[in-house]
Amino acid sequence: VKGRFTISRDKNTVYLQMNSLKPEDTAVYY
């Protein structure tokens, strides 16, 4: 996912920005 996903955090919330998604990214995300 390097170069496509970005993790960030604001206090007690974490985000995952996912760009250029591919079929192989299909999953349950935890």
PDB file of all heavy atoms in Angstrom:
ATOM      1  N   VAL A   1       0.814  -1.225   0.000  1.00  0.00           N
ATOM      2  CA  VAL A   1       0.000   0.000   0.000  1.00  0.00           C
ATOM      3  C   VAL A   1       0.841   1.265   0.000  1.00  0.00           C
ATOM      4  O   VAL A   1       0.284   2.371  -0.048  1.00  0.00           O
ATOM      5  CB  VAL A   1      -0.977   0.018   1.198  1.00  0.00           C
ATOM      6  CG1 VAL A   1      -1.799  -1.258   1.246  1.00  0.00           C
ATOM      7  CG2 VAL A   1      -0.255   0.259   2.515  1.00  0.00           C
ATOM      8  N   LYS A   2       2.144   1.136   0.046  1.00  0.00           N
ATOM      9  CA  LYS A   2       3.013   2.315   0.077  1.00  0.00           C
ATOM     10  C   LYS A   2       2.760   3.194  -1.148  1.00  0.00           C
ATOM     11  O   LYS A   2       2.689   2.702  -2.269  1.00  0.00           O
ATOM     12  CB  LYS A   2       4.479   1.894   0.137  1.00  0.00           C
ATOM     13  CG  LYS A   2       4.930   1.419   1.496  1.00  0.00           C
ATOM     14  CD  LYS A   2       6.408   1.025   1.501  1.00  0.00           C
ATOM     15  CE  LYS A   2       6.833   0.553   2.868  1.00  0.00           C
ATOM     16  NZ  LYS A   2       8.246   0.086   2.880  1.00  0.00           N
ATOM     17  N   GLY A   3       2.642   4.484  -0.903  1.00  0.00           N
ATOM     18  CA  GLY A   3       2.391   5.420  -1.986  1.00  0.00           C
ATOM     19  C   GLY A   3       0.922   5.583  -2.334  1.00  0.00           C
ATOM     20  O   GLY A   3       0.561   6.487  -3.101  1.00  0.00           O
ATOM     21  N   ARG A   4       0.073   4.707  -1.810  1.00  0.00           N
ATOM     22  CA  ARG A   4      -1.370   4.787  -2.109  1.00  0.00           C
ATOM     23  C   ARG A   4      -2.200   5.097  -0.864  1.00  0.00           C
ATOM     24  O   ARG A   4      -3.226   5.774  -0.961  1.00  0.00           O
ATOM     25  CB  ARG A   4      -1.853   3.467  -2.714  1.00  0.00           C
ATOM     26  CG  ARG A   4      -1.149   3.078  -4.014  1.00  0.00           C
ATOM     27  CD  ARG A   4      -1.811   1.874  -4.673  1.00  0.00           C
ATOM     28  NE  ARG A   4      -1.737   0.676  -3.850  1.00  0.00           N
ATOM     29  CZ  ARG A   4      -2.790   0.004  -3.414  1.00  0.00           C
ATOM     30  NH1 ARG A   4      -4.020   0.410  -3.716  1.00  0.00           N
ATOM     31  NH2 ARG A   4      -2.634  -1.085  -2.683  1.00  0.00           N
ATOM     32  N   PHE A   5      -1.791   4.577   0.280  1.00  0.00           N
ATOM     33  CA  PHE A   5      -2.537   4.762   1.526  1.00  0.00           C
ATOM     34  C   PHE A   5      -1.783   5.724   2.437  1.00  0.00           C
ATOM     35  O   PHE A   5      -0.546   5.730   2.455  1.00  0.00           O
ATOM     36  CB  PHE A   5      -2.702   3.442   2.266  1.00  0.00           C
ATOM     37  CG  PHE A   5      -3.634   2.451   1.607  1.00  0.00           C
ATOM     38  CD1 PHE A   5      -4.096   2.614   0.312  1.00  0.00           C
ATOM     39  CD2 PHE A   5      -4.034   1.316   2.303  1.00  0.00           C
ATOM     40  CE1 PHE A   5      -4.940   1.705  -0.277  1.00  0.00           C
ATOM     41  CE2 PHE A   5      -4.882   0.388   1.723  1.00  0.00           C
ATOM     42  CZ  PHE A   5      -5.325   0.587   0.430  1.00  0.00           C
ATOM     43  N   THR A   6      -2.540   6.484   3.232  1.00  0.00           N
ATOM     44  CA  THR A   6      -1.944   7.389   4.208  1.00  0.00           C
ATOM     45  C   THR A   6      -2.684   7.253   5.528  1.00  0.00           C
ATOM     46  O   THR A   6      -3.914   7.401   5.571  1.00  0.00           O
ATOM     47  CB  THR A   6      -2.017   8.843   3.736  1.00  0.00           C
ATOM     48  OG1 THR A   6      -1.358   8.974   2.475  1.00  0.00           O
ATOM     49  CG2 THR A   6      -1.347   9.766   4.746  1.00  0.00           C
ATOM     50  N   ILE A   7      -1.937   6.951   6.583  1.00  0.00           N
ATOM     51  CA  ILE A   7      -2.519   6.886   7.920  1.00  0.00           C
ATOM     52  C   ILE A   7      -2.245   8.204   8.623  1.00  0.00           C
ATOM     53  O   ILE A   7      -1.171   8.804   8.475  1.00  0.00           O
ATOM     54  CB  ILE A   7      -1.941   5.694   8.726  1.00  0.00           C
ATOM     55  CG1 ILE A   7      -2.700   5.506  10.039  1.00  0.00           C
ATOM     56  CG2 ILE A   7      -0.444   5.837   8.964  1.00  0.00           C
ATOM     57  CD1 ILE A   7      -2.336   4.215  10.774  1.00  0.00           C
ATOM     58  N   SER A   8      -3.232   8.654   9.392  1.00  0.00           N
ATOM     59  CA  SER A   8      -3.068   9.877  10.175  1.00  0.00           C
ATOM     60  C   SER A   8      -3.882   9.743  11.447  1.00  0.00           C
ATOM     61  O   SER A   8      -4.750   8.874  11.575  1.00  0.00           O
ATOM     62  CB  SER A   8      -3.503  11.107   9.368  1.00  0.00           C
ATOM     63  OG  SER A   8      -4.872  11.019   9.013  1.00  0.00           O
ATOM     64  N   ARG A   9      -3.588  10.626  12.370  1.00  0.00           N
ATOM     65  CA  ARG A   9      -4.252  10.556  13.675  1.00  0.00           C
ATOM     66  C   ARG A   9      -4.552  11.960  14.164  1.00  0.00           C
ATOM     67  O   ARG A   9      -3.728  12.876  14.029  1.00  0.00           O
ATOM     68  CB  ARG A   9      -3.359   9.828  14.690  1.00  0.00           C
ATOM     69  CG  ARG A   9      -3.927   9.764  16.090  1.00  0.00           C
ATOM     70  CD  ARG A   9      -2.948   9.108  17.037  1.00  0.00           C
ATOM     71  NE  ARG A   9      -3.405   9.274  18.414  1.00  0.00           N
ATOM     72  CZ  ARG A   9      -2.694   8.877  19.486  1.00  0.00           C
ATOM     73  NH1 ARG A   9      -1.529   8.289  19.326  1.00  0.00           N
ATOM     74  NH2 ARG A   9      -3.170   9.085  20.696  1.00  0.00           N
ATOM     75  N   ASP A  10      -5.722  12.123  14.742  1.00  0.00           N
ATOM     76  CA  ASP A  10      -6.116  13.379  15.382  1.00  0.00           C
ATOM     77  C   ASP A  10      -6.664  13.013  16.752  1.00  0.00           C
ATOM     78  O   ASP A  10      -7.784  12.503  16.873  1.00  0.00           O
ATOM     79  CB  ASP A  10      -7.172  14.097  14.555  1.00  0.00           C
ATOM     80  CG  ASP A  10      -7.606  15.414  15.182  1.00  0.00           C
ATOM     81  OD1 ASP A  10      -6.935  15.873  16.123  1.00  0.00           O
ATOM     82  OD2 ASP A  10      -8.619  15.984  14.731  1.00  0.00           O
ATOM     83  N   LYS A  11      -5.875  13.222  17.766  1.00  0.00           N
ATOM     84  CA  LYS A  11      -6.223  12.854  19.142  1.00  0.00           C
ATOM     85  C   LYS A  11      -6.530  11.347  19.183  1.00  0.00           C
ATOM     86  O   LYS A  11      -5.647  10.529  18.946  1.00  0.00           O
ATOM     87  CB  LYS A  11      -7.376  13.704  19.647  1.00  0.00           C
ATOM     88  CG  LYS A  11      -7.025  15.187  19.775  1.00  0.00           C
ATOM     89  CD  LYS A  11      -8.177  16.001  20.342  1.00  0.00           C
ATOM     90  CE  LYS A  11      -7.786  17.473  20.438  1.00  0.00           C
ATOM     91  NZ  LYS A  11      -8.888  18.319  20.950  1.00  0.00           N
ATOM     92  N   ASN A  12      -7.759  10.973  19.472  1.00  0.00           N
ATOM     93  CA  ASN A  12      -8.096   9.562  19.632  1.00  0.00           C
ATOM     94  C   ASN A  12      -8.815   8.977  18.417  1.00  0.00           C
ATOM     95  O   ASN A  12      -9.505   7.961  18.525  1.00  0.00           O
ATOM     96  CB  ASN A  12      -8.955   9.374  20.889  1.00  0.00           C
ATOM     97  CG  ASN A  12      -8.224   9.746  22.155  1.00  0.00           C
ATOM     98  OD1 ASN A  12      -7.016   9.564  22.238  1.00  0.00           O
ATOM     99  ND2 ASN A  12      -8.935  10.283  23.120  1.00  0.00           N
ATOM    100  N   THR A  13      -8.640   9.613  17.276  1.00  0.00           N
ATOM    101  CA  THR A  13      -9.207   9.110  16.035  1.00  0.00           C
ATOM    102  C   THR A  13      -8.088   8.878  15.039  1.00  0.00           C
ATOM    103  O   THR A  13      -7.206   9.715  14.887  1.00  0.00           O
ATOM    104  CB  THR A  13     -10.230  10.102  15.458  1.00  0.00           C
ATOM    105  OG1 THR A  13     -11.288  10.287  16.399  1.00  0.00           O
ATOM    106  CG2 THR A  13     -10.817   9.568  14.157  1.00  0.00           C
ATOM    107  N   VAL A  14      -8.148   7.715  14.398  1.00  0.00           N
ATOM    108  CA  VAL A  14      -7.156   7.383  13.374  1.00  0.00           C
ATOM    109  C   VAL A  14      -7.883   7.251  12.039  1.00  0.00           C
ATOM    110  O   VAL A  14      -9.018   6.778  11.973  1.00  0.00           O
ATOM    111  CB  VAL A  14      -6.384   6.100  13.738  1.00  0.00           C
ATOM    112  CG1 VAL A  14      -7.291   4.881  13.776  1.00  0.00           C
ATOM    113  CG2 VAL A  14      -5.212   5.884  12.795  1.00  0.00           C
ATOM    114  N   TYR A  15      -7.213   7.695  10.999  1.00  0.00           N
ATOM    115  CA  TYR A  15      -7.783   7.689   9.656  1.00  0.00           C
ATOM    116  C   TYR A  15      -6.898   6.866   8.718  1.00  0.00           C
ATOM    117  O   TYR A  15      -5.683   6.735   8.933  1.00  0.00           O
ATOM    118  CB  TYR A  15      -7.890   9.110   9.106  1.00  0.00           C
ATOM    119  CG  TYR A  15      -8.673  10.048   9.974  1.00  0.00           C
ATOM    120  CD1 TYR A  15      -8.032  10.847  10.926  1.00  0.00           C
ATOM    121  CD2 TYR A  15     -10.054  10.142   9.861  1.00  0.00           C
ATOM    122  CE1 TYR A  15      -8.748  11.714  11.728  1.00  0.00           C
ATOM    123  CE2 TYR A  15     -10.783  11.012  10.669  1.00  0.00           C
ATOM    124  CZ  TYR A  15     -10.121  11.789  11.596  1.00  0.00           C
ATOM    125  OH  TYR A  15     -10.836  12.642  12.395  1.00  0.00           O
ATOM    126  N   LEU A  16      -7.515   6.349   7.681  1.00  0.00           N
ATOM    127  CA  LEU A  16      -6.762   5.703   6.616  1.00  0.00           C
ATOM    128  C   LEU A  16      -7.316   6.208   5.287  1.00  0.00           C
ATOM    129  O   LEU A  16      -8.433   5.858   4.906  1.00  0.00           O
ATOM    130  CB  LEU A  16      -6.863   4.179   6.691  1.00  0.00           C
ATOM    131  CG  LEU A  16      -5.973   3.422   5.711  1.00  0.00           C
ATOM    132  CD1 LEU A  16      -4.489   3.623   6.062  1.00  0.00           C
ATOM    133  CD2 LEU A  16      -6.309   1.934   5.682  1.00  0.00           C
ATOM    134  N   GLN A  17      -6.542   7.049   4.628  1.00  0.00           N
ATOM    135  CA  GLN A  17      -6.910   7.543   3.310  1.00  0.00           C
ATOM    136  C   GLN A  17      -6.381   6.543   2.286  1.00  0.00           C
ATOM    137  O   GLN A  17      -5.173   6.284   2.236  1.00  0.00           O
ATOM    138  CB  GLN A  17      -6.317   8.920   3.051  1.00  0.00           C
ATOM    139  CG  GLN A  17      -6.603   9.474   1.668  1.00  0.00           C
ATOM    140  CD  GLN A  17      -8.074   9.760   1.440  1.00  0.00           C
ATOM    141  OE1 GLN A  17      -8.740  10.331   2.306  1.00  0.00           O
ATOM    142  NE2 GLN A  17      -8.591   9.376   0.281  1.00  0.00           N
ATOM    143  N   MET A  18      -7.268   5.986   1.500  1.00  0.00           N
ATOM    144  CA  MET A  18      -6.894   4.957   0.533  1.00  0.00           C
ATOM    145  C   MET A  18      -7.178   5.467  -0.878  1.00  0.00           C
ATOM    146  O   MET A  18      -8.335   5.722  -1.224  1.00  0.00           O
ATOM    147  CB  MET A  18      -7.689   3.671   0.794  1.00  0.00           C
ATOM    148  CG  MET A  18      -7.539   3.150   2.213  1.00  0.00           C
ATOM    149  SD  MET A  18      -8.351   1.563   2.482  1.00  0.00           S
ATOM    150  CE  MET A  18     -10.065   2.029   2.265  1.00  0.00           C
ATOM    151  N   ASN A  19      -6.120   5.637  -1.638  1.00  0.00           N
ATOM    152  CA  ASN A  19      -6.225   6.108  -3.019  1.00  0.00           C
ATOM    153  C   ASN A  19      -5.775   5.011  -3.983  1.00  0.00           C
ATOM    154  O   ASN A  19      -5.108   4.063  -3.584  1.00  0.00           O
ATOM    155  CB  ASN A  19      -5.383   7.358  -3.220  1.00  0.00           C
ATOM    156  CG  ASN A  19      -5.813   8.516  -2.348  1.00  0.00           C
ATOM    157  OD1 ASN A  19      -7.000   8.676  -2.047  1.00  0.00           O
ATOM    158  ND2 ASN A  19      -4.858   9.332  -1.940  1.00  0.00           N
ATOM    159  N   SER A  20      -6.130   5.187  -5.239  1.00  0.00           N
ATOM    160  CA  SER A  20      -5.735   4.234  -6.281  1.00  0.00           C
ATOM    161  C   SER A  20      -6.030   2.801  -5.850  1.00  0.00           C
ATOM    162  O   SER A  20      -5.188   1.907  -5.968  1.00  0.00           O
ATOM    163  CB  SER A  20      -4.242   4.391  -6.601  1.00  0.00           C
ATOM    164  OG  SER A  20      -3.951   5.693  -7.026  1.00  0.00           O
ATOM    165  N   LEU A  21      -7.219   2.586  -5.382  1.00  0.00           N
ATOM    166  CA  LEU A  21      -7.591   1.273  -4.854  1.00  0.00           C
ATOM    167  C   LEU A  21      -7.579   0.211  -5.944  1.00  0.00           C
ATOM    168  O   LEU A  21      -7.914   0.476  -7.102  1.00  0.00           O
ATOM    169  CB  LEU A  21      -8.961   1.340  -4.186  1.00  0.00           C
ATOM    170  CG  LEU A  21      -8.940   1.966  -2.786  1.00  0.00           C
ATOM    171  CD1 LEU A  21     -10.320   2.447  -2.381  1.00  0.00           C
ATOM    172  CD2 LEU A  21      -8.392   0.973  -1.783  1.00  0.00           C
ATOM    173  N   LYS A  22      -7.197  -0.990  -5.536  1.00  0.00           N
ATOM    174  CA  LYS A  22      -7.110  -2.133  -6.428  1.00  0.00           C
ATOM    175  C   LYS A  22      -8.038  -3.242  -5.925  1.00  0.00           C
ATOM    176  O   LYS A  22      -8.327  -3.308  -4.725  1.00  0.00           O
ATOM    177  CB  LYS A  22      -5.675  -2.659  -6.466  1.00  0.00           C
ATOM    178  CG  LYS A  22      -4.629  -1.630  -6.844  1.00  0.00           C
ATOM    179  CD  LYS A  22      -3.233  -2.223  -6.741  1.00  0.00           C
ATOM    180  CE  LYS A  22      -2.166  -1.206  -7.094  1.00  0.00           C
ATOM    181  NZ  LYS A  22      -0.800  -1.782  -7.003  1.00  0.00           N
ATOM    182  N   PRO A  23      -8.467  -4.127  -6.817  1.00  0.00           N
ATOM    183  CA  PRO A  23      -9.316  -5.240  -6.356  1.00  0.00           C
ATOM    184  C   PRO A  23      -8.681  -6.050  -5.225  1.00  0.00           C
ATOM    185  O   PRO A  23      -9.390  -6.538  -4.342  1.00  0.00           O
ATOM    186  CB  PRO A  23      -9.499  -6.075  -7.627  1.00  0.00           C
ATOM    187  CG  PRO A  23      -9.409  -5.077  -8.738  1.00  0.00           C
ATOM    188  CD  PRO A  23      -8.366  -4.093  -8.284  1.00  0.00           C
ATOM    189  N   GLU A  24      -7.362  -6.158  -5.238  1.00  0.00           N
ATOM    190  CA  GLU A  24      -6.690  -6.922  -4.176  1.00  0.00           C
ATOM    191  C   GLU A  24      -6.702  -6.216  -2.831  1.00  0.00           C
ATOM    192  O   GLU A  24      -6.286  -6.796  -1.825  1.00  0.00           O
ATOM    193  CB  GLU A  24      -5.249  -7.265  -4.574  1.00  0.00           C
ATOM    194  CG  GLU A  24      -4.421  -6.094  -5.058  1.00  0.00           C
ATOM    195  CD  GLU A  24      -4.407  -5.975  -6.574  1.00  0.00           C
ATOM    196  OE1 GLU A  24      -5.480  -6.116  -7.209  1.00  0.00           O
ATOM    197  OE2 GLU A  24      -3.305  -5.728  -7.121  1.00  0.00           O
ATOM    198  N   ASP A  25      -7.182  -4.974  -2.782  1.00  0.00           N
ATOM    199  CA  ASP A  25      -7.363  -4.292  -1.497  1.00  0.00           C
ATOM    200  C   ASP A  25      -8.676  -4.687  -0.830  1.00  0.00           C
ATOM    201  O   ASP A  25      -8.937  -4.291   0.309  1.00  0.00           O
ATOM    202  CB  ASP A  25      -7.349  -2.775  -1.698  1.00  0.00           C
ATOM    203  CG  ASP A  25      -6.010  -2.250  -2.167  1.00  0.00           C
ATOM    204  OD1 ASP A  25      -4.972  -2.720  -1.651  1.00  0.00           O
ATOM    205  OD2 ASP A  25      -5.990  -1.368  -3.057  1.00  0.00           O
ATOM    206  N   THR A  26      -9.501  -5.453  -1.517  1.00  0.00           N
ATOM    207  CA  THR A  26     -10.767  -5.897  -0.952  1.00  0.00           C
ATOM    208  C   THR A  26     -10.528  -6.735   0.297  1.00  0.00           C
ATOM    209  O   THR A  26      -9.784  -7.712   0.276  1.00  0.00           O
ATOM    210  CB  THR A  26     -11.557  -6.716  -1.984  1.00  0.00           C
ATOM    211  OG1 THR A  26     -11.916  -5.862  -3.077  1.00  0.00           O
ATOM    212  CG2 THR A  26     -12.821  -7.303  -1.359  1.00  0.00           C
ATOM    213  N   ALA A  27     -11.151  -6.332   1.398  1.00  0.00           N
ATOM    214  CA  ALA A  27     -10.965  -7.008   2.679  1.00  0.00           C
ATOM    215  C   ALA A  27     -11.852  -6.342   3.723  1.00  0.00           C
ATOM    216  O   ALA A  27     -12.428  -5.278   3.475  1.00  0.00           O
ATOM    217  CB  ALA A  27      -9.503  -6.926   3.125  1.00  0.00           C
ATOM    218  N   VAL A  28     -11.913  -6.965   4.880  1.00  0.00           N
ATOM    219  CA  VAL A  28     -12.461  -6.292   6.056  1.00  0.00           C
ATOM    220  C   VAL A  28     -11.302  -5.572   6.734  1.00  0.00           C
ATOM    221  O   VAL A  28     -10.259  -6.183   7.008  1.00  0.00           O
ATOM    222  CB  VAL A  28     -13.127  -7.277   7.025  1.00  0.00           C
ATOM    223  CG1 VAL A  28     -13.633  -6.537   8.256  1.00  0.00           C
ATOM    224  CG2 VAL A  28     -14.274  -8.017   6.343  1.00  0.00           C
ATOM    225  N   TYR A  29     -11.475  -4.305   6.971  1.00  0.00           N
ATOM    226  CA  TYR A  29     -10.429  -3.480   7.589  1.00  0.00           C
ATOM    227  C   TYR A  29     -10.769  -3.255   9.062  1.00  0.00           C
ATOM    228  O   TYR A  29     -11.899  -2.878   9.406  1.00  0.00           O
ATOM    229  CB  TYR A  29     -10.308  -2.150   6.849  1.00  0.00           C
ATOM    230  CG  TYR A  29      -9.582  -2.276   5.534  1.00  0.00           C
ATOM    231  CD1 TYR A  29     -10.165  -2.926   4.453  1.00  0.00           C
ATOM    232  CD2 TYR A  29      -8.292  -1.774   5.372  1.00  0.00           C
ATOM    233  CE1 TYR A  29      -9.497  -3.079   3.247  1.00  0.00           C
ATOM    234  CE2 TYR A  29      -7.618  -1.910   4.164  1.00  0.00           C
ATOM    235  CZ  TYR A  29      -8.224  -2.566   3.118  1.00  0.00           C
ATOM    236  OH  TYR A  29      -7.556  -2.710   1.924  1.00  0.00           O
ATOM    237  N   TYR A  30      -9.768  -3.493   9.907  1.00  0.00           N
ATOM    238  CA  TYR A  30      -9.925  -3.339  11.346  1.00  0.00           C
ATOM    239  C   TYR A  30      -8.944  -2.281  11.856  1.00  0.00           C
ATOM    240  O   TYR A  30      -7.791  -2.256  11.432  1.00  0.00           O
ATOM    241  CB  TYR A  30      -9.604  -4.646  12.061  1.00  0.00           C
ATOM    242  CG  TYR A  30     -10.487  -5.810  11.695  1.00  0.00           C
ATOM    243  CD1 TYR A  30     -10.156  -6.643  10.632  1.00  0.00           C
ATOM    244  CD2 TYR A  30     -11.645  -6.083  12.424  1.00  0.00           C
ATOM    245  CE1 TYR A  30     -10.959  -7.719  10.288  1.00  0.00           C
ATOM    246  CE2 TYR A  30     -12.454  -7.155  12.101  1.00  0.00           C
ATOM    247  CZ  TYR A  30     -12.106  -7.968  11.029  1.00  0.00           C
ATOM    248  OH  TYR A  30     -12.896  -9.038  10.709  1.00  0.00           O
TER     249      TYR A  30
END
